[in-house]
Amino acid sequence: MSLTLDALASRHSTPTRQLDAPGPDDAQLLQMLDTAVRVPDHGKRVPFRFLRITGAARTTLADAAEGRLREREPDAGEAVIDKLRSRFTTPPLTLAVIANTGPDEKIPATERFSSAACVCFQLLQAAHAVGFGAQWLTGWIAYDRPFLEGVLGLDAEEQLVGTIAIGTPRIEVPDRPRPDPAELLADWLPR
């Protein structure tokens, strides 16, 4: 059990610009996805799906994202555009995690979105366990309906929870300072 906890405790994000080939092969990806879907899912709705972005699709998506950014922000600088493009062109694999937040009589949209967010975190953990680096990103593309619907093909009842970039780390990323859990813990007392 301590090996499992050690693995969980050693997970960290690897910046997308530091991810290189090779990425996971099909068997590794399916193993990671099998782990990722083992999340709390009230009502067994499976309120998530994945889009895989690899190969030439990376450049095509980067072109579309750049085009949409230029519509949104005509004065966007080259550094902003380069950072956006590299989000898709640098890592060998990007997975878009999409939540279904449409009407449901029993399970609130927030619970279904939370389940899909857990999928993102599980993907980060699974990538780390298999030996890859990964990063979960959102940014404006996660909220821009013209991009979500017109480029990614989401319907009105879907939301992008984030993109997970996965690849082989170019560098060893130092861990960042983490909060002390003892300082975050309080006992509830009746009022």
Protein backbone atom coordinates (compact mmCIF):
# COMPACT_ATOMS: atom_id res chain seq x y z
CA MET A 1 0.00 0.00 0.00
CA SER A 2 2.81 2.45 0.73
CA LEU A 3 4.09 2.03 -2.84
CA THR A 4 0.69 3.10 -4.09
CA LEU A 5 0.60 6.09 -1.76
CA ASP A 6 4.17 6.99 -2.75
CA ALA A 7 3.17 6.93 -6.41
CA LEU A 8 0.11 9.08 -5.74
CA ALA A 9 2.12 11.52 -3.63
CA SER A 10 4.84 11.91 -6.26
CA ARG A 11 2.53 12.98 -9.10
CA HIS A 12 3.15 16.44 -10.50
CA SER A 13 2.32 18.30 -13.67
CA THR A 14 4.83 18.49 -16.48
CA PRO A 15 4.44 21.69 -18.52
CA THR A 16 3.03 20.95 -21.97
CA ARG A 17 6.03 22.57 -23.64
CA GLN A 18 8.25 20.02 -21.90
CA LEU A 19 6.40 16.98 -23.26
CA ASP A 20 7.88 15.13 -26.21
CA ALA A 21 7.47 11.88 -28.11
CA PRO A 22 7.00 9.12 -27.52
CA GLY A 23 3.54 9.29 -26.11
CA PRO A 24 1.54 6.31 -24.96
CA ASP A 25 0.83 3.59 -27.49
CA ASP A 26 -2.73 2.36 -27.97
CA ALA A 27 -2.45 -0.31 -25.26
CA GLN A 28 -1.02 2.16 -22.73
CA LEU A 29 -3.67 4.73 -23.60
CA LEU A 30 -6.48 2.24 -23.13
CA GLN A 31 -4.96 1.15 -19.83
CA MET A 32 -4.87 4.79 -18.68
CA LEU A 33 -8.45 5.37 -19.84
CA ASP A 34 -9.57 2.20 -18.06
CA THR A 35 -8.12 3.69 -14.88
CA ALA A 36 -9.58 7.12 -15.60
CA VAL A 37 -13.17 5.93 -15.90
CA ARG A 38 -13.07 4.39 -12.40
CA VAL A 39 -14.39 7.58 -10.84
CA PRO A 40 -17.41 8.34 -8.68
CA ASP A 41 -20.42 8.48 -11.00
CA HIS A 42 -23.68 9.08 -9.15
CA GLY A 43 -26.48 7.40 -11.06
CA LYS A 44 -24.06 5.56 -13.37
CA ARG A 45 -24.56 8.20 -16.05
CA VAL A 46 -21.03 8.01 -17.53
CA PRO A 47 -21.22 11.78 -18.07
CA PHE A 48 -17.93 12.07 -19.97
CA ARG A 49 -16.25 11.20 -23.22
CA PHE A 50 -12.84 11.71 -24.81
CA LEU A 51 -11.44 13.22 -27.99
CA ARG A 52 -7.95 12.04 -28.98
CA ILE A 53 -5.74 14.61 -30.73
CA THR A 54 -2.61 13.12 -32.30
CA GLY A 55 -0.57 13.27 -35.49
CA ALA A 56 -1.55 15.87 -38.08
CA ALA A 57 -4.74 16.68 -36.13
CA ARG A 58 -2.52 18.53 -33.63
CA THR A 59 -1.56 21.17 -36.22
CA THR A 60 -5.10 21.37 -37.58
CA LEU A 61 -6.45 22.03 -34.09
CA ALA A 62 -3.69 24.56 -33.38
CA ASP A 63 -4.61 26.40 -36.60
CA ALA A 64 -8.30 26.47 -35.61
CA ALA A 65 -7.51 27.64 -32.07
CA GLU A 66 -5.26 30.39 -33.43
CA GLY A 67 -7.98 31.50 -35.83
CA ARG A 68 -10.53 31.69 -33.02
CA LEU A 69 -8.08 33.55 -30.76
CA ARG A 70 -7.48 36.14 -33.49
CA GLU A 71 -11.27 36.64 -33.74
CA ARG A 72 -11.57 37.05 -29.98
CA GLU A 73 -8.42 39.11 -29.50
CA PRO A 74 -7.27 40.79 -32.72
CA ASP A 75 -4.31 42.36 -30.88
CA ALA A 76 -3.04 39.10 -29.34
CA GLY A 77 0.74 39.08 -29.36
CA GLU A 78 2.89 36.43 -30.97
CA ALA A 79 3.92 35.01 -27.57
CA VAL A 80 0.26 34.37 -26.70
CA ILE A 81 -0.36 32.78 -30.09
CA ASP A 82 2.77 30.64 -29.85
CA LYS A 83 1.80 29.43 -26.37
CA LEU A 84 -1.68 28.50 -27.59
CA ARG A 85 -0.36 26.67 -30.67
CA SER A 86 2.27 24.76 -28.69
CA ARG A 87 -0.48 23.53 -26.35
CA PHE A 88 -1.55 21.24 -29.21
CA THR A 89 1.55 20.84 -31.38
CA THR A 90 4.18 19.99 -28.75
CA PRO A 91 2.80 16.98 -26.84
CA PRO A 92 2.42 13.79 -28.88
CA LEU A 93 -1.05 13.21 -27.39
CA THR A 94 -3.76 15.49 -26.12
CA LEU A 95 -7.03 14.17 -24.76
CA ALA A 96 -10.04 16.46 -24.52
CA VAL A 97 -12.28 15.41 -21.64
CA ILE A 98 -15.88 16.38 -22.27
CA ALA A 99 -18.69 16.42 -19.71
CA ASN A 100 -22.36 15.92 -20.49
CA THR A 101 -24.16 18.57 -18.44
CA GLY A 102 -27.57 18.44 -20.17
CA PRO A 103 -30.91 17.91 -18.44
CA ASP A 104 -31.19 15.00 -16.04
CA GLU A 105 -34.12 14.44 -13.69
CA LYS A 106 -32.04 12.95 -10.89
CA ILE A 107 -28.36 13.91 -11.15
CA PRO A 108 -27.46 17.63 -11.12
CA ALA A 109 -25.15 18.92 -13.84
CA THR A 110 -22.59 19.93 -11.21
CA GLU A 111 -22.28 16.32 -10.01
CA ARG A 112 -21.83 15.06 -13.55
CA PHE A 113 -19.22 17.75 -14.27
CA SER A 114 -17.44 16.79 -11.04
CA SER A 115 -17.33 13.18 -12.19
CA ALA A 116 -15.73 14.26 -15.48
CA ALA A 117 -13.25 16.42 -13.56
CA CYS A 118 -12.28 13.35 -11.54
CA VAL A 119 -11.59 11.63 -14.88
CA CYS A 120 -9.07 14.37 -15.69
CA PHE A 121 -7.26 13.86 -12.41
CA GLN A 122 -7.30 10.09 -12.80
CA LEU A 123 -5.74 10.53 -16.25
CA LEU A 124 -2.93 12.56 -14.71
CA GLN A 125 -2.35 9.87 -12.11
CA ALA A 126 -2.51 7.07 -14.69
CA ALA A 127 -0.06 8.84 -17.03
CA HIS A 128 2.35 9.28 -14.12
CA ALA A 129 2.00 5.62 -13.13
CA VAL A 130 2.81 4.49 -16.69
CA GLY A 131 5.89 6.74 -16.77
CA PHE A 132 4.66 9.72 -18.77
CA GLY A 133 4.38 13.38 -17.93
CA ALA A 134 1.03 15.12 -18.23
CA GLN A 135 -0.68 18.46 -17.74
CA TRP A 136 -4.36 19.41 -17.40
CA LEU A 137 -5.21 22.71 -19.09
CA THR A 138 -8.37 24.78 -19.44
CA GLY A 139 -8.11 28.46 -20.40
CA TRP A 140 -10.49 30.33 -22.65
CA ILE A 141 -11.03 27.40 -25.00
CA ALA A 142 -12.86 25.52 -22.23
CA TYR A 143 -15.56 28.21 -22.16
CA ASP A 144 -15.71 29.56 -25.70
CA ARG A 145 -18.88 28.13 -27.30
CA PRO A 146 -17.86 28.94 -30.90
CA PHE A 147 -14.62 27.00 -30.36
CA LEU A 148 -16.29 24.17 -28.44
CA GLU A 149 -19.12 23.66 -30.90
CA GLY A 150 -17.60 24.86 -34.17
CA VAL A 151 -14.12 23.38 -33.79
CA LEU A 152 -14.34 20.50 -31.29
CA GLY A 153 -17.86 19.49 -32.30
CA LEU A 154 -19.43 19.58 -28.83
CA ASP A 155 -23.18 19.94 -28.59
CA ALA A 156 -24.95 22.55 -26.46
CA GLU A 157 -25.24 20.14 -23.53
CA GLU A 158 -21.53 19.39 -23.36
CA GLN A 159 -18.68 21.21 -21.66
CA LEU A 160 -14.93 20.83 -22.07
CA VAL A 161 -13.53 19.97 -18.66
CA GLY A 162 -9.99 20.36 -19.96
CA THR A 163 -7.33 19.00 -22.21
CA ILE A 164 -4.79 16.55 -20.87
CA ALA A 165 -1.41 16.74 -22.63
CA ILE A 166 0.59 13.52 -22.33
CA GLY A 167 4.12 12.67 -23.42
CA THR A 168 7.65 11.92 -22.34
CA PRO A 169 9.12 14.67 -20.13
CA ARG A 170 12.13 16.46 -21.64
CA ILE A 171 13.27 17.58 -18.21
CA GLU A 172 12.82 16.48 -14.63
CA VAL A 173 10.29 18.93 -13.24
CA PRO A 174 10.98 20.03 -9.68
CA ASP A 175 8.04 19.63 -7.35
CA ARG A 176 6.38 22.83 -6.24
CA PRO A 177 5.67 23.65 -2.62
CA ARG A 178 2.56 21.84 -1.40
CA PRO A 179 0.21 22.89 1.37
CA ASP A 180 0.51 21.30 4.77
CA PRO A 181 -2.61 19.13 5.13
CA ALA A 182 -2.54 19.56 8.93
CA GLU A 183 -3.10 23.30 8.45
CA LEU A 184 -6.12 22.62 6.23
CA LEU A 185 -7.78 20.19 8.62
CA ALA A 186 -10.38 21.30 11.14
CA ASP A 187 -12.83 19.37 13.26
CA TRP A 188 -16.49 20.16 12.78
CA LEU A 189 -18.26 21.01 15.98
CA PRO A 190 -22.02 21.43 16.39
CA ARG A 191 -23.16 25.01 16.73
